[in-house]
């Protein structure tokens, strides 16, 4: 009986200690929960290993940034090399362009020979090629032209024809003088119209140069051969 009464006197103290221990354990669990930060406790698995972090915890791209953190400044871009390693602030020097070689000046020989290279058409000289009696009257087939510039090793200037052949009526009684090669000698000699026509027929397209004169009817009434080299 004595033992039972003693046990009953000590039972309230035992109950108090048990209550304090339980309260301390609950308070410690609450403090640990508050220190965890996200309000959820990460308890260990039954086998003693820590649970694997979720995708939101492991992916830094999707996680929310820490409050008050300043974004990192973007890295400064490196300027591209200029001129194979030269400093970016140094601009490449312009290369001096070489002037194109000038055209050689025209030779002054033509201007110094005293010859006019733009002589007008001679108003009273023609080169005679053939003749024709077509149309019932006599006509010479000729070309107009002018005198060119004499070459250095020449006895005279050439007669340079221009344009197409044309017809010039000729009086059958015209006065004609000729020289070499129609007649021998270097002096002009008088010949008849028929003799002259015979020579033209035997030597067509000779192109001998004659100075002419027109009569009252517009036909040649005088014809004198000009010297040509």
C-alpha atoms as a PDB file:
ATOM      1  CA  UNK A   1       0.000   0.000   0.000  1.00  0.00           C
ATOM      2  CA  UNK A   2       2.869   2.314   0.737  1.00  0.00           C
ATOM      3  CA  UNK A   3       4.379   1.806  -2.685  1.00  0.00           C
ATOM      4  CA  UNK A   4       1.190   2.621  -4.507  1.00  0.00           C
ATOM      5  CA  UNK A   5       0.755   5.888  -2.715  1.00  0.00           C
ATOM      6  CA  UNK A   6       4.321   6.988  -3.443  1.00  0.00           C
ATOM      7  CA  UNK A   7       3.912   6.368  -7.082  1.00  0.00           C
ATOM      8  CA  UNK A   8       0.857   8.536  -7.223  1.00  0.00           C
ATOM      9  CA  UNK A   9       2.764  11.477  -5.633  1.00  0.00           C
ATOM     10  CA  UNK A  10       5.477  11.467  -8.321  1.00  0.00           C
ATOM     11  CA  UNK A  11       3.106  11.046 -11.361  1.00  0.00           C
ATOM     12  CA  UNK A  12       2.280  14.764 -11.824  1.00  0.00           C
ATOM     13  CA  UNK A  13       5.988  15.664 -12.234  1.00  0.00           C
ATOM     14  CA  UNK A  14       6.491  12.980 -14.818  1.00  0.00           C
ATOM     15  CA  UNK A  15       3.564  14.243 -16.839  1.00  0.00           C
ATOM     16  CA  UNK A  16       4.949  17.806 -16.757  1.00  0.00           C
ATOM     17  CA  UNK A  17       8.317  16.760 -18.095  1.00  0.00           C
ATOM     18  CA  UNK A  18       6.693  14.828 -20.907  1.00  0.00           C
ATOM     19  CA  UNK A  19       4.603  17.853 -21.831  1.00  0.00           C
ATOM     20  CA  UNK A  20       7.662  20.166 -21.888  1.00  0.00           C
ATOM     21  CA  UNK A  21       9.633  17.789 -24.073  1.00  0.00           C
ATOM     22  CA  UNK A  22       6.772  17.572 -26.586  1.00  0.00           C
ATOM     23  CA  UNK A  23       6.419  21.359 -26.674  1.00  0.00           C
ATOM     24  CA  UNK A  24      10.154  21.838 -27.244  1.00  0.00           C
ATOM     25  CA  UNK A  25      10.113  19.340 -30.083  1.00  0.00           C
ATOM     26  CA  UNK A  26       7.179  21.118 -31.726  1.00  0.00           C
ATOM     27  CA  UNK A  27       8.898  24.504 -31.364  1.00  0.00           C
ATOM     28  CA  UNK A  28      12.121  23.185 -32.866  1.00  0.00           C
ATOM     29  CA  UNK A  29      10.196  21.766 -35.827  1.00  0.00           C
ATOM     30  CA  UNK A  30       8.501  25.133 -36.313  1.00  0.00           C
ATOM     31  CA  UNK A  31      11.830  26.956 -36.294  1.00  0.00           C
ATOM     32  CA  UNK A  32      13.303  24.559 -38.838  1.00  0.00           C
ATOM     33  CA  UNK A  33      10.265  25.041 -41.049  1.00  0.00           C
ATOM     34  CA  UNK A  34      10.665  28.841 -40.934  1.00  0.00           C
ATOM     35  CA  UNK A  35      14.366  28.615 -41.830  1.00  0.00           C
ATOM     36  CA  UNK A  36      13.602  26.526 -44.916  1.00  0.00           C
ATOM     37  CA  UNK A  37      12.448  29.690 -46.806  1.00  0.00           C
ATOM     38  CA  UNK A  38       9.695  28.335 -49.062  1.00  0.00           C
ATOM     39  CA  UNK A  39       7.436  27.106 -46.314  1.00  0.00           C
ATOM     40  CA  UNK A  40       7.803  23.409 -47.184  1.00  0.00           C
ATOM     41  CA  UNK A  41       9.956  20.956 -45.371  1.00  0.00           C
ATOM     42  CA  UNK A  42      12.173  18.699 -47.320  1.00  0.00           C
ATOM     43  CA  UNK A  43      12.057  15.570 -45.327  1.00  0.00           C
ATOM     44  CA  UNK A  44      14.386  12.723 -45.966  1.00  0.00           C
ATOM     45  CA  UNK A  45      13.022   9.701 -47.717  1.00  0.00           C
ATOM     46  CA  UNK A  46      12.491   6.563 -45.774  1.00  0.00           C
ATOM     47  CA  UNK A  47      15.760   5.073 -47.097  1.00  0.00           C
ATOM     48  CA  UNK A  48      17.744   8.064 -45.773  1.00  0.00           C
ATOM     49  CA  UNK A  49      18.399   9.858 -49.092  1.00  0.00           C
ATOM     50  CA  UNK A  50      17.432  13.438 -49.874  1.00  0.00           C
ATOM     51  CA  UNK A  51      14.568  13.811 -52.443  1.00  0.00           C
ATOM     52  CA  UNK A  52      15.609  14.937 -55.942  1.00  0.00           C
ATOM     53  CA  UNK A  53      15.084  18.646 -56.600  1.00  0.00           C
ATOM     54  CA  UNK A  54      12.222  19.584 -58.882  1.00  0.00           C
ATOM     55  CA  UNK A  55      12.703  21.104 -62.313  1.00  0.00           C
ATOM     56  CA  UNK A  56      11.817  24.519 -60.925  1.00  0.00           C
ATOM     57  CA  UNK A  57      14.593  24.221 -58.339  1.00  0.00           C
ATOM     58  CA  UNK A  58      17.271  23.023 -60.752  1.00  0.00           C
ATOM     59  CA  UNK A  59      16.503  25.194 -63.799  1.00  0.00           C
ATOM     60  CA  UNK A  60      18.085  28.615 -63.263  1.00  0.00           C
ATOM     61  CA  UNK A  61      16.270  29.980 -66.297  1.00  0.00           C
ATOM     62  CA  UNK A  62      12.795  29.436 -64.836  1.00  0.00           C
ATOM     63  CA  UNK A  63      13.567  30.239 -61.224  1.00  0.00           C
ATOM     64  CA  UNK A  64      12.435  33.630 -60.018  1.00  0.00           C
ATOM     65  CA  UNK A  65      15.334  36.066 -59.436  1.00  0.00           C
ATOM     66  CA  UNK A  66      16.317  36.981 -55.930  1.00  0.00           C
ATOM     67  CA  UNK A  67      14.628  40.131 -54.705  1.00  0.00           C
ATOM     68  CA  UNK A  68      16.870  43.182 -54.843  1.00  0.00           C
ATOM     69  CA  UNK A  69      19.533  41.565 -57.077  1.00  0.00           C
ATOM     70  CA  UNK A  70      20.845  43.774 -59.896  1.00  0.00           C
ATOM     71  CA  UNK A  71      21.026  42.280 -63.398  1.00  0.00           C
ATOM     72  CA  UNK A  72      24.536  41.644 -64.637  1.00  0.00           C
ATOM     73  CA  UNK A  73      25.822  44.145 -67.174  1.00  0.00           C
ATOM     74  CA  UNK A  74      26.219  42.702 -70.702  1.00  0.00           C
ATOM     75  CA  UNK A  75      29.838  42.040 -71.658  1.00  0.00           C
ATOM     76  CA  UNK A  76      31.378  44.753 -73.784  1.00  0.00           C
ATOM     77  CA  UNK A  77      31.746  43.664 -77.391  1.00  0.00           C
ATOM     78  CA  UNK A  78      35.247  43.490 -78.703  1.00  0.00           C
ATOM     79  CA  UNK A  79      35.781  45.703 -81.769  1.00  0.00           C
ATOM     80  CA  UNK A  80      36.737  43.912 -84.897  1.00  0.00           C
ATOM     81  CA  UNK A  81      40.332  44.009 -85.951  1.00  0.00           C
ATOM     82  CA  UNK A  82      41.117  46.693 -88.497  1.00  0.00           C
ATOM     83  CA  UNK A  83      43.856  46.178 -90.953  1.00  0.00           C
ATOM     84  CA  UNK A  84      45.149  42.876 -89.568  1.00  0.00           C
ATOM     85  CA  UNK A  85      45.565  43.688 -85.878  1.00  0.00           C
ATOM     86  CA  UNK A  86      45.749  47.488 -86.077  1.00  0.00           C
ATOM     87  CA  UNK A  87      44.114  49.595 -83.390  1.00  0.00           C
ATOM     88  CA  UNK A  88      40.387  50.247 -84.053  1.00  0.00           C
ATOM     89  CA  UNK A  89      40.910  53.989 -83.610  1.00  0.00           C
ATOM     90  CA  UNK A  90      43.509  54.045 -86.381  1.00  0.00           C
ATOM     91  CA  UNK A  91      41.782  54.533 -89.753  1.00  0.00           C
ATOM     92  CA  UNK A  92      43.504  52.964 -92.795  1.00  0.00           C
ATOM     93  CA  UNK A  93      45.404  55.526 -94.787  1.00  0.00           C
ATOM     94  CA  UNK A  94      44.069  56.142 -98.320  1.00  0.00           C
ATOM     95  CA  UNK A  95      46.263  54.789-101.042  1.00  0.00           C
ATOM     96  CA  UNK A  96      47.302  57.403-103.547  1.00  0.00           C
ATOM     97  CA  UNK A  97      45.902  56.549-106.959  1.00  0.00           C
ATOM     98  CA  UNK A  98      48.346  56.403-109.799  1.00  0.00           C
ATOM     99  CA  UNK A  99      47.213  58.673-112.653  1.00  0.00           C
ATOM    100  CA  UNK A 100      46.475  56.942-115.881  1.00  0.00           C
ATOM    101  CA  UNK A 101      49.176  57.351-118.461  1.00  0.00           C
ATOM    102  CA  UNK A 102      48.331  60.198-120.775  1.00  0.00           C
ATOM    103  CA  UNK A 103      47.856  59.669-124.448  1.00  0.00           C
ATOM    104  CA  UNK A 104      50.899  60.492-126.502  1.00  0.00           C
ATOM    105  CA  UNK A 105      50.691  63.801-128.237  1.00  0.00           C
ATOM    106  CA  UNK A 106      50.021  63.666-131.902  1.00  0.00           C
ATOM    107  CA  UNK A 107      53.053  64.054-134.050  1.00  0.00           C
ATOM    108  CA  UNK A 108      53.631  67.620-135.139  1.00  0.00           C
ATOM    109  CA  UNK A 109      54.998  66.519-138.495  1.00  0.00           C
ATOM    110  CA  UNK A 110      51.694  66.992-140.270  1.00  0.00           C
ATOM    111  CA  UNK A 111      51.304  70.488-138.841  1.00  0.00           C
ATOM    112  CA  UNK A 112      54.888  71.464-139.633  1.00  0.00           C
ATOM    113  CA  UNK A 113      54.914  70.443-143.305  1.00  0.00           C
ATOM    114  CA  UNK A 114      53.055  73.612-144.330  1.00  0.00           C
ATOM    115  CA  UNK A 115      50.277  71.634-146.011  1.00  0.00           C
ATOM    116  CA  UNK A 116      46.583  72.252-145.538  1.00  0.00           C
ATOM    117  CA  UNK A 117      45.048  68.818-144.964  1.00  0.00           C
ATOM    118  CA  UNK A 118      41.536  70.180-145.429  1.00  0.00           C
ATOM    119  CA  UNK A 119      41.778  71.659-148.879  1.00  0.00           C
ATOM    120  CA  UNK A 120      38.411  72.410-150.510  1.00  0.00           C
ATOM    121  CA  UNK A 121      37.254  70.693-153.674  1.00  0.00           C
ATOM    122  CA  UNK A 122      38.958  72.157-156.685  1.00  0.00           C
ATOM    123  CA  UNK A 123      36.451  74.233-158.692  1.00  0.00           C
ATOM    124  CA  UNK A 124      38.050  73.701-162.123  1.00  0.00           C
ATOM    125  CA  UNK A 125      40.010  70.436-161.989  1.00  0.00           C
ATOM    126  CA  UNK A 126      38.845  66.861-162.475  1.00  0.00           C
ATOM    127  CA  UNK A 127      40.302  63.388-162.891  1.00  0.00           C
ATOM    128  CA  UNK A 128      39.228  61.944-166.261  1.00  0.00           C
ATOM    129  CA  UNK A 129      38.469  58.204-166.489  1.00  0.00           C
ATOM    130  CA  UNK A 130      36.446  57.497-169.630  1.00  0.00           C
ATOM    131  CA  UNK A 131      34.106  59.096-172.134  1.00  0.00           C
ATOM    132  CA  UNK A 132      30.683  58.239-173.520  1.00  0.00           C
ATOM    133  CA  UNK A 133      28.615  59.417-176.525  1.00  0.00           C
ATOM    134  CA  UNK A 134      25.337  58.427-174.887  1.00  0.00           C
ATOM    135  CA  UNK A 135      22.444  60.837-175.267  1.00  0.00           C
ATOM    136  CA  UNK A 136      23.633  62.106-178.643  1.00  0.00           C
ATOM    137  CA  UNK A 137      26.460  64.281-177.304  1.00  0.00           C
ATOM    138  CA  UNK A 138      29.992  63.710-176.003  1.00  0.00           C
ATOM    139  CA  UNK A 139      30.535  63.506-172.223  1.00  0.00           C
ATOM    140  CA  UNK A 140      33.588  62.807-170.090  1.00  0.00           C
ATOM    141  CA  UNK A 141      33.266  60.534-167.054  1.00  0.00           C
ATOM    142  CA  UNK A 142      35.141  62.288-164.265  1.00  0.00           C
ATOM    143  CA  UNK A 143      35.591  62.644-160.492  1.00  0.00           C
ATOM    144  CA  UNK A 144      36.068  65.844-158.546  1.00  0.00           C
ATOM    145  CA  UNK A 145      38.781  66.170-155.924  1.00  0.00           C
ATOM    146  CA  UNK A 146      41.484  68.305-154.334  1.00  0.00           C
ATOM    147  CA  UNK A 147      45.235  68.333-153.987  1.00  0.00           C
ATOM    148  CA  UNK A 148      46.659  66.484-151.018  1.00  0.00           C
ATOM    149  CA  UNK A 149      49.987  66.916-149.243  1.00  0.00           C
ATOM    150  CA  UNK A 150      53.122  65.933-151.081  1.00  0.00           C
ATOM    151  CA  UNK A 151      55.189  63.143-149.493  1.00  0.00           C
ATOM    152  CA  UNK A 152      58.783  64.002-148.589  1.00  0.00           C
ATOM    153  CA  UNK A 153      60.312  61.946-151.420  1.00  0.00           C
ATOM    154  CA  UNK A 154      57.808  63.037-154.067  1.00  0.00           C
ATOM    155  CA  UNK A 155      57.916  65.493-156.986  1.00  0.00           C
ATOM    156  CA  UNK A 156      54.494  66.892-156.193  1.00  0.00           C
ATOM    157  CA  UNK A 157      51.195  66.506-154.376  1.00  0.00           C
ATOM    158  CA  UNK A 158      48.652  63.844-155.356  1.00  0.00           C
ATOM    159  CA  UNK A 159      45.171  64.677-156.569  1.00  0.00           C
ATOM    160  CA  UNK A 160      42.735  63.048-154.150  1.00  0.00           C
ATOM    161  CA  UNK A 161      39.329  62.329-155.636  1.00  0.00           C
ATOM    162  CA  UNK A 162      36.100  62.443-153.658  1.00  0.00           C
ATOM    163  CA  UNK A 163      32.551  61.328-154.274  1.00  0.00           C
ATOM    164  CA  UNK A 164      31.199  59.317-157.188  1.00  0.00           C
ATOM    165  CA  UNK A 165      31.825  59.469-160.917  1.00  0.00           C
ATOM    166  CA  UNK A 166      29.864  62.102-162.771  1.00  0.00           C
ATOM    167  CA  UNK A 167      29.302  63.189-166.375  1.00  0.00           C
ATOM    168  CA  UNK A 168      30.546  66.426-167.909  1.00  0.00           C
ATOM    169  CA  UNK A 169      29.504  67.385-171.441  1.00  0.00           C
ATOM    170  CA  UNK A 170      32.377  68.287-173.798  1.00  0.00           C
ATOM    171  CA  UNK A 171      32.369  70.325-176.975  1.00  0.00           C
ATOM    172  CA  UNK A 172      33.630  68.281-179.922  1.00  0.00           C
ATOM    173  CA  UNK A 173      35.662  71.292-181.010  1.00  0.00           C
ATOM    174  CA  UNK A 174      37.286  71.784-177.564  1.00  0.00           C
ATOM    175  CA  UNK A 175      40.907  72.862-177.344  1.00  0.00           C
ATOM    176  CA  UNK A 176      42.973  70.148-175.610  1.00  0.00           C
ATOM    177  CA  UNK A 177      46.602  70.119-174.480  1.00  0.00           C
ATOM    178  CA  UNK A 178      48.289  67.045-173.023  1.00  0.00           C
ATOM    179  CA  UNK A 179      51.645  65.882-171.743  1.00  0.00           C
ATOM    180  CA  UNK A 180      53.191  62.626-170.515  1.00  0.00           C
ATOM    181  CA  UNK A 181      51.956  59.854-170.721  1.00  0.00           C
ATOM    182  CA  UNK A 182      49.646  60.784-173.617  1.00  0.00           C
ATOM    183  CA  UNK A 183      52.518  62.342-175.580  1.00  0.00           C
ATOM    184  CA  UNK A 184      56.274  62.226-175.033  1.00  0.00           C
ATOM    185  CA  UNK A 185      57.831  65.180-173.265  1.00  0.00           C
ATOM    186  CA  UNK A 186      57.185  67.221-170.161  1.00  0.00           C
ATOM    187  CA  UNK A 187      55.583  70.177-171.959  1.00  0.00           C
ATOM    188  CA  UNK A 188      51.907  70.400-172.850  1.00  0.00           C
ATOM    189  CA  UNK A 189      51.140  69.799-176.521  1.00  0.00           C
ATOM    190  CA  UNK A 190      47.963  70.412-178.453  1.00  0.00           C
ATOM    191  CA  UNK A 191      46.069  67.386-179.807  1.00  0.00           C
ATOM    192  CA  UNK A 192      42.660  66.919-181.417  1.00  0.00           C
ATOM    193  CA  UNK A 193      39.537  65.768-179.671  1.00  0.00           C
ATOM    194  CA  UNK A 194      39.393  62.433-181.497  1.00  0.00           C
ATOM    195  CA  UNK A 195      43.040  61.649-180.702  1.00  0.00           C
ATOM    196  CA  UNK A 196      42.293  62.331-177.073  1.00  0.00           C
ATOM    197  CA  UNK A 197      39.214  60.071-177.136  1.00  0.00           C
ATOM    198  CA  UNK A 198      41.223  57.266-178.758  1.00  0.00           C
ATOM    199  CA  UNK A 199      43.770  57.415-175.997  1.00  0.00           C
ATOM    200  CA  UNK A 200      41.063  57.308-173.291  1.00  0.00           C
ATOM    201  CA  UNK A 201      39.511  54.278-174.977  1.00  0.00           C
ATOM    202  CA  UNK A 202      42.890  52.510-175.000  1.00  0.00           C
ATOM    203  CA  UNK A 203      43.681  53.521-171.398  1.00  0.00           C
ATOM    204  CA  UNK A 204      40.406  53.547-169.443  1.00  0.00           C
ATOM    205  CA  UNK A 205      40.332  54.651-165.798  1.00  0.00           C
ATOM    206  CA  UNK A 206      43.713  56.358-166.000  1.00  0.00           C
ATOM    207  CA  UNK A 207      42.537  59.186-163.723  1.00  0.00           C
ATOM    208  CA  UNK A 208      44.726  61.840-165.363  1.00  0.00           C
ATOM    209  CA  UNK A 209      44.023  65.294-163.948  1.00  0.00           C
ATOM    210  CA  UNK A 210      42.829  68.092-166.262  1.00  0.00           C
ATOM    211  CA  UNK A 211      41.989  71.721-165.711  1.00  0.00           C
ATOM    212  CA  UNK A 212      38.803  72.548-167.586  1.00  0.00           C
ATOM    213  CA  UNK A 213      36.903  75.583-168.751  1.00  0.00           C
ATOM    214  CA  UNK A 214      33.206  75.711-169.559  1.00  0.00           C
ATOM    215  CA  UNK A 215      31.845  77.484-172.597  1.00  0.00           C
ATOM    216  CA  UNK A 216      28.662  79.457-173.049  1.00  0.00           C
ATOM    217  CA  UNK A 217      26.539  76.306-173.325  1.00  0.00           C
ATOM    218  CA  UNK A 218      27.947  74.706-170.139  1.00  0.00           C
ATOM    219  CA  UNK A 219      30.145  72.225-172.030  1.00  0.00           C
ATOM    220  CA  UNK A 220      33.934  71.926-171.735  1.00  0.00           C
ATOM    221  CA  UNK A 221      35.555  74.057-174.410  1.00  0.00           C
ATOM    222  CA  UNK A 222      39.151  73.853-173.114  1.00  0.00           C
ATOM    223  CA  UNK A 223      41.036  71.017-171.383  1.00  0.00           C
ATOM    224  CA  UNK A 224      44.645  71.156-170.179  1.00  0.00           C
ATOM    225  CA  UNK A 225      46.420  68.236-168.547  1.00  0.00           C
ATOM    226  CA  UNK A 226      47.931  68.889-165.109  1.00  0.00           C
ATOM    227  CA  UNK A 227      51.243  67.445-163.989  1.00  0.00           C
ATOM    228  CA  UNK A 228      50.921  64.706-161.402  1.00  0.00           C
ATOM    229  CA  UNK A 229      53.783  62.710-159.878  1.00  0.00           C
END
